[in-house]
Amino acid sequence: MDNIGKSIFQRAAEWGIPFGLYLTVAAVCFIYADRVDILGFVFMLLALATPVVIYRYQRRKFVEDNGFTQYAALWMMGNIITLLGALVASLLVYLLLYFARPAFCYEWAQHVIETYQAVPEIKSSGAIVETLQLAVEQKMLPQLKDVVFSMFWFTAAGGCVTSALTALIAQRQIPPTH
């Protein structure tokens, strides 16, 4: 199938779902990092690589269009990819949390409390531990839907800024082919 001629919207629709799966894998790594230590490291790698992934989609479109894609179009495509990816990831993460880890916020709070208590050298940990313990006891931690909603907006806003920067880089000149 010929790829030339597809609009930024078609490309964003095609690439948004795989990007959503990428974001889902990153979120799952974060969700289970308190149980499997290496997942925290994997999450950090995936989070740091996210701008590279967005850039690669934008660069691919720019090269596909022989260097005639405008900055605004690349930025818009990055925004749409990020929004669609955030929607996919939010749905999948909510389902995972709802069915597999319904007490996620409380488990993470307990993990943080235990971590701070294990490191007595941290002078400010007393206030953090007390505050978290109070929040756990009084059931004041956010609900799953609040966590997922915040994740969605953080991803969408971060994707907008990231797409603006990566679109600039994606427009570098295409080397001539001889």
Foldseek 3Di string as FASTA:
>chain_A
DQPAPDALVRLLVVLLQVLLVLVLLLVVLVLCCLPPVVSVVVNVVSVVCSLVVLLVSLLVVCVSHVLPDDLVRQLVSLLSSLLSSLVSNLVVVLVCCVPPNQPSQLVVLVSLLVVLVVCVVPPPSVVVNVVSVVCNVVVVTDGSNVVSVVSSVVSSVVSSVSSSVSSVVSSPHDDDDD
